[in-house]
Amino acid sequence: MFKFKALRMSEFFPRKPDILSSRVAIRPRIPWYFRLSIIVSLGVSLLLLSWGMYEAGSRSDTAQHEIIQNEEFDQPYNTGTCLQTKRQQLCIQQASLVRQLQISNTTNNNLASQVKFLTDENSQLKEKVSFFQYLTSGNTKTDAGISIHHLSLQKGQTPNEYRYTLSLIQGGERPGDFTGNLRFLVNLQQNDQTKTVPLTNKQNGQDFSINFKFFHRLERSFKVPPDTIVESLQVQVFEKNNTTAKLTQTVESTI
């Protein structure tokens, strides 16, 4: 009796060789200088491409700008359109210039006022110093009664303006209050004619009233018409209830 031996499938198919069990990749070896040359070539190509795109865009913008300018120049000039487009900008610039001019004028006026005030104050201080030096001088004796210490006439800061200054003193051991009036007469030439014009108080249109004991100072200004030459100024001092001048003095005009 025959006996059959069971055979397994592996015995019919031979086993795969061990050398084919894992995959092997074979690649060619590329030198490093060849890789570097490829990278440099790609970089140069990208730079050239970027530069070409930039030049094309610039030329396109320039051509479009020239076309717009040509269209603007080809159109006829319209004054109304120009004024409408430029009016706002010009108005803003004009307003700014006007404000700057106003600020500058205000500053100049303030400076002129300050200079005038300081000049007047300096003149008063000089006159007072001169007066006290006159009183305290050992060689000078102050007479009893009233006298004219200082009288001046000079041109003012504005055209056709004149300023005059008068200082009166009263000496004596125990002088009383002096009460009286001051009258000023201006001698001038106008249209080849010599005239004498009185100066009056602006408040009441009369002579200047005074009342002091030791020292009195008066400073005023007046204006004359154009083409008028002021030659001199005369002051007359009247005591109260007296029509005869107690003192009279004349001073010529100085620049």
Protein backbone atom coordinates (compact mmCIF):
# COMPACT_ATOMS: atom_id res chain seq x y z
CA MET A 1 0.00 0.00 0.00
CA PHE A 2 1.36 3.28 -0.94
CA LYS A 3 1.60 6.21 1.54
CA PHE A 4 1.59 9.73 0.32
CA LYS A 5 3.58 12.39 2.21
CA ALA A 6 1.99 15.75 2.55
CA LEU A 7 4.07 18.45 1.01
CA ARG A 8 3.96 22.15 1.98
CA MET A 9 3.68 24.98 -0.51
CA SER A 10 7.11 26.22 0.30
CA GLU A 11 8.61 23.09 -1.03
CA PHE A 12 7.08 23.72 -4.48
CA PHE A 13 8.28 27.39 -4.70
CA PRO A 14 11.86 28.05 -3.86
CA ARG A 15 12.63 30.80 -1.31
CA LYS A 16 13.58 34.26 -2.48
CA PRO A 17 17.26 34.98 -2.19
CA ASP A 18 18.25 37.09 0.79
CA ILE A 19 20.02 39.58 -1.48
CA LEU A 20 16.66 40.71 -2.89
CA SER A 21 14.97 41.20 0.46
CA SER A 22 15.75 45.03 0.70
CA ARG A 23 15.64 47.76 -2.03
CA VAL A 24 18.87 49.36 -3.14
CA ALA A 25 18.90 52.82 -4.92
CA ILE A 26 21.83 53.67 -7.15
CA ARG A 27 22.30 57.38 -7.92
CA PRO A 28 25.05 59.14 -9.82
CA ARG A 29 27.37 61.35 -7.75
CA ILE A 30 27.25 65.11 -8.73
CA PRO A 31 30.37 67.22 -7.99
CA TRP A 32 30.00 70.22 -5.67
CA TYR A 33 31.28 72.77 -8.20
CA PHE A 34 28.62 71.66 -10.67
CA ARG A 35 25.90 72.27 -8.04
CA LEU A 36 27.37 75.68 -7.21
CA SER A 37 27.36 76.70 -10.87
CA ILE A 38 23.70 75.66 -11.19
CA ILE A 39 22.73 77.77 -8.11
CA VAL A 40 24.64 80.81 -9.42
CA SER A 41 23.01 80.49 -12.82
CA LEU A 42 19.55 80.34 -11.28
CA GLY A 43 20.27 83.44 -9.12
CA VAL A 44 21.53 85.43 -12.12
CA SER A 45 18.49 84.41 -14.10
CA LEU A 46 16.13 85.57 -11.35
CA LEU A 47 17.94 88.91 -11.07
CA LEU A 48 17.75 89.46 -14.82
CA LEU A 49 14.08 88.58 -14.83
CA SER A 50 13.36 91.01 -11.94
CA TRP A 51 15.31 93.82 -13.61
CA GLY A 52 13.47 93.25 -16.89
CA MET A 53 10.08 93.41 -15.13
CA TYR A 54 11.09 96.62 -13.32
CA GLU A 55 12.25 98.28 -16.55
CA ALA A 56 9.04 97.27 -18.30
CA GLY A 57 6.92 98.73 -15.47
CA SER A 58 8.94 101.98 -15.40
CA ARG A 59 8.59 102.45 -19.14
CA SER A 60 4.88 101.79 -18.90
CA ASP A 61 4.43 104.41 -16.12
CA THR A 62 6.55 106.97 -18.02
CA ALA A 63 4.56 106.43 -21.20
CA GLN A 64 1.27 106.75 -19.33
CA HIS A 65 2.44 109.97 -17.61
CA GLU A 66 3.51 111.43 -20.97
CA ILE A 67 0.16 110.53 -22.46
CA ILE A 68 -1.67 112.27 -19.60
CA GLN A 69 0.55 115.37 -19.94
CA ASN A 70 0.01 115.46 -23.68
CA GLU A 71 -3.73 115.21 -23.17
CA GLU A 72 -3.59 118.08 -20.65
CA PHE A 73 -1.53 120.27 -22.98
CA ASP A 74 -3.71 119.42 -25.93
CA GLN A 75 -6.77 120.72 -24.09
CA PRO A 76 -7.43 124.50 -24.42
CA TYR A 77 -6.47 126.69 -21.43
CA ASN A 78 -9.48 127.74 -19.36
CA THR A 79 -9.06 130.55 -16.83
CA GLY A 80 -12.16 129.56 -14.87
CA THR A 81 -10.98 125.97 -14.50
CA CYS A 82 -7.53 127.11 -13.42
CA LEU A 83 -9.01 129.43 -10.81
CA GLN A 84 -11.29 126.71 -9.48
CA THR A 85 -8.45 124.23 -9.09
CA LYS A 86 -5.88 126.70 -7.73
CA ARG A 87 -8.16 128.99 -5.74
CA GLN A 88 -8.23 126.92 -2.56
CA GLN A 89 -4.47 126.51 -2.41
CA LEU A 90 -3.85 130.17 -3.17
CA CYS A 91 -6.42 131.24 -0.56
CA ILE A 92 -4.71 129.08 2.07
CA GLN A 93 -1.31 130.55 1.20
CA GLN A 94 -2.71 134.09 1.20
CA ALA A 95 -4.37 133.57 4.59
CA SER A 96 -1.11 132.24 6.01
CA LEU A 97 0.84 135.22 4.65
CA VAL A 98 -1.76 137.66 6.02
CA ARG A 99 -1.55 136.08 9.47
CA GLN A 100 2.24 136.24 9.41
CA LEU A 101 2.08 139.89 8.34
CA GLN A 102 -0.40 140.73 11.11
CA ILE A 103 1.77 139.01 13.70
CA SER A 104 4.84 140.85 12.40
CA ASN A 105 3.05 144.22 12.45
CA THR A 106 1.74 143.62 15.96
CA THR A 107 5.21 142.65 17.15
CA ASN A 108 6.77 145.71 15.52
CA ASN A 109 4.13 148.01 17.03
CA ASN A 110 4.68 146.50 20.47
CA LEU A 111 8.43 146.90 20.12
CA ALA A 112 8.03 150.50 18.95
CA SER A 113 5.76 151.27 21.90
CA GLN A 114 8.21 149.69 24.32
CA VAL A 115 11.13 151.57 22.79
CA LYS A 116 9.20 154.84 22.97
CA PHE A 117 8.22 154.20 26.59
CA LEU A 118 11.78 153.31 27.58
CA THR A 119 13.13 156.35 25.71
CA ASP A 120 10.70 158.68 27.45
CA GLU A 121 11.40 157.10 30.81
CA ASN A 122 15.14 157.41 30.22
CA SER A 123 14.73 161.08 29.32
CA GLN A 124 12.73 161.71 32.48
CA LEU A 125 15.31 159.96 34.62
CA LYS A 126 18.12 161.95 33.03
CA GLU A 127 16.24 165.17 33.59
CA LYS A 128 15.50 164.31 37.22
CA VAL A 129 19.14 163.39 37.80
CA SER A 130 20.20 166.68 36.25
CA PHE A 131 17.71 168.52 38.42
CA PHE A 132 18.92 166.93 41.66
CA GLN A 133 22.51 167.51 40.64
CA TYR A 134 21.57 171.13 40.09
CA LEU A 135 20.02 171.34 43.54
CA THR A 136 22.82 169.53 45.36
CA SER A 137 25.63 171.32 43.59
CA GLY A 138 27.68 173.38 46.01
CA ASN A 139 28.54 176.01 43.43
CA THR A 140 24.93 176.64 42.42
CA LYS A 141 22.55 178.66 44.50
CA THR A 142 18.84 178.21 43.93
CA ASP A 143 17.08 181.52 43.89
CA ALA A 144 13.82 181.95 45.69
CA GLY A 145 10.82 181.83 43.40
CA ILE A 146 10.02 179.94 40.22
CA SER A 147 12.43 179.39 37.33
CA ILE A 148 12.66 177.40 34.12
CA HIS A 149 15.14 174.57 34.57
CA HIS A 150 14.81 172.85 31.17
CA LEU A 151 13.04 173.54 27.87
CA SER A 152 13.54 171.48 24.67
CA LEU A 153 11.87 170.98 21.29
CA GLN A 154 12.70 168.14 18.90
CA LYS A 155 11.15 166.07 16.13
CA GLY A 156 9.07 163.05 17.06
CA GLN A 157 9.13 159.52 15.72
CA THR A 158 6.34 160.03 13.20
CA PRO A 159 6.41 162.52 10.28
CA ASN A 160 5.37 166.12 11.05
CA GLU A 161 5.43 165.41 14.79
CA TYR A 162 7.28 167.47 17.41
CA ARG A 163 7.79 166.86 21.10
CA TYR A 164 8.54 169.49 23.71
CA THR A 165 9.57 169.18 27.34
CA LEU A 166 9.48 171.76 30.13
CA SER A 167 10.81 171.56 33.69
CA LEU A 168 10.06 174.18 36.35
CA ILE A 169 11.61 174.48 39.78
CA GLN A 170 10.82 176.64 42.76
CA GLY A 171 13.47 177.55 45.30
CA GLY A 172 13.46 179.01 48.76
CA GLU A 173 13.51 177.71 52.30
CA ARG A 174 9.80 177.01 52.62
CA PRO A 175 8.15 177.74 49.32
CA GLY A 176 4.40 177.58 48.98
CA ASP A 177 2.46 175.97 46.17
CA PHE A 178 2.79 177.76 42.87
CA THR A 179 -0.49 177.98 40.94
CA GLY A 180 -0.68 179.40 37.45
CA ASN A 181 -0.82 178.65 33.73
CA LEU A 182 1.56 177.79 30.91
CA ARG A 183 1.19 179.15 27.40
CA PHE A 184 3.14 177.76 24.43
CA LEU A 185 3.60 179.57 21.11
CA VAL A 186 5.01 177.80 18.03
CA ASN A 187 6.89 179.87 15.45
CA LEU A 188 6.78 178.18 12.03
CA GLN A 189 7.02 178.77 8.30
CA GLN A 190 4.24 177.67 5.98
CA ASN A 191 3.91 178.59 2.30
CA ASP A 192 6.79 181.08 2.66
CA GLN A 193 4.95 182.80 5.51
CA THR A 194 5.96 183.10 9.13
CA LYS A 195 3.23 182.24 11.63
CA THR A 196 2.82 181.97 15.38
CA VAL A 197 0.39 179.29 16.50
CA PRO A 198 -0.62 178.76 20.16
CA LEU A 199 -0.68 175.30 21.67
CA THR A 200 -3.63 174.59 23.93
CA ASN A 201 -4.62 171.79 26.23
CA LYS A 202 -6.52 169.09 24.34
CA GLN A 203 -8.86 168.52 27.26
CA ASN A 204 -10.25 172.02 27.65
CA GLY A 205 -8.71 173.95 24.72
CA GLN A 206 -7.07 176.46 27.09
CA ASP A 207 -3.64 177.09 28.57
CA PHE A 208 -1.97 174.41 30.70
CA SER A 209 -2.73 174.90 34.37
CA ILE A 210 0.00 174.04 36.90
CA ASN A 211 0.14 173.61 40.65
CA PHE A 212 3.36 172.40 42.32
CA LYS A 213 5.77 173.16 45.12
CA PHE A 214 9.35 172.19 44.18
CA PHE A 215 9.45 170.56 40.76
CA HIS A 216 7.08 170.33 37.79
CA ARG A 217 7.65 168.56 34.48
CA LEU A 218 5.51 168.73 31.35
CA GLU A 219 5.97 166.72 28.14
CA ARG A 220 3.64 166.97 25.16
CA SER A 221 3.63 166.56 21.38
CA PHE A 222 1.95 168.25 18.45
CA LYS A 223 1.69 167.80 14.70
CA VAL A 224 1.96 170.33 11.91
CA PRO A 225 0.72 170.15 8.30
CA PRO A 226 3.08 168.85 5.60
CA ASP A 227 5.60 171.26 4.09
CA THR A 228 5.71 173.15 7.38
CA ILE A 229 8.97 174.08 9.12
CA VAL A 230 8.92 174.58 12.90
CA GLU A 231 11.55 177.13 13.85
CA SER A 232 11.14 177.62 17.60
CA LEU A 233 8.87 177.27 20.63
CA GLN A 234 8.20 179.91 23.26
CA VAL A 235 6.81 179.25 26.74
CA GLN A 236 5.19 181.85 28.99
CA VAL A 237 4.57 181.21 32.68
CA PHE A 238 1.64 183.08 34.26
CA GLU A 239 0.91 183.22 37.93
CA LYS A 240 -2.72 182.81 38.96
CA ASN A 241 -4.92 185.94 38.47
CA ASN A 242 -2.11 187.67 36.60
CA THR A 243 -2.18 188.57 32.90
CA THR A 244 1.51 189.46 32.70
CA ALA A 245 3.95 186.62 32.07
CA LYS A 246 6.19 185.92 35.02
CA LEU A 247 8.73 183.99 32.93
CA THR A 248 9.37 183.75 29.17
CA GLN A 249 11.83 181.53 27.32
CA THR A 250 12.30 180.46 23.67
CA VAL A 251 14.00 177.34 22.35
CA GLU A 252 14.83 176.41 18.75
CA SER A 253 13.87 173.12 17.16
CA THR A 254 16.46 170.33 17.12
CA ILE A 255 16.53 167.09 15.12
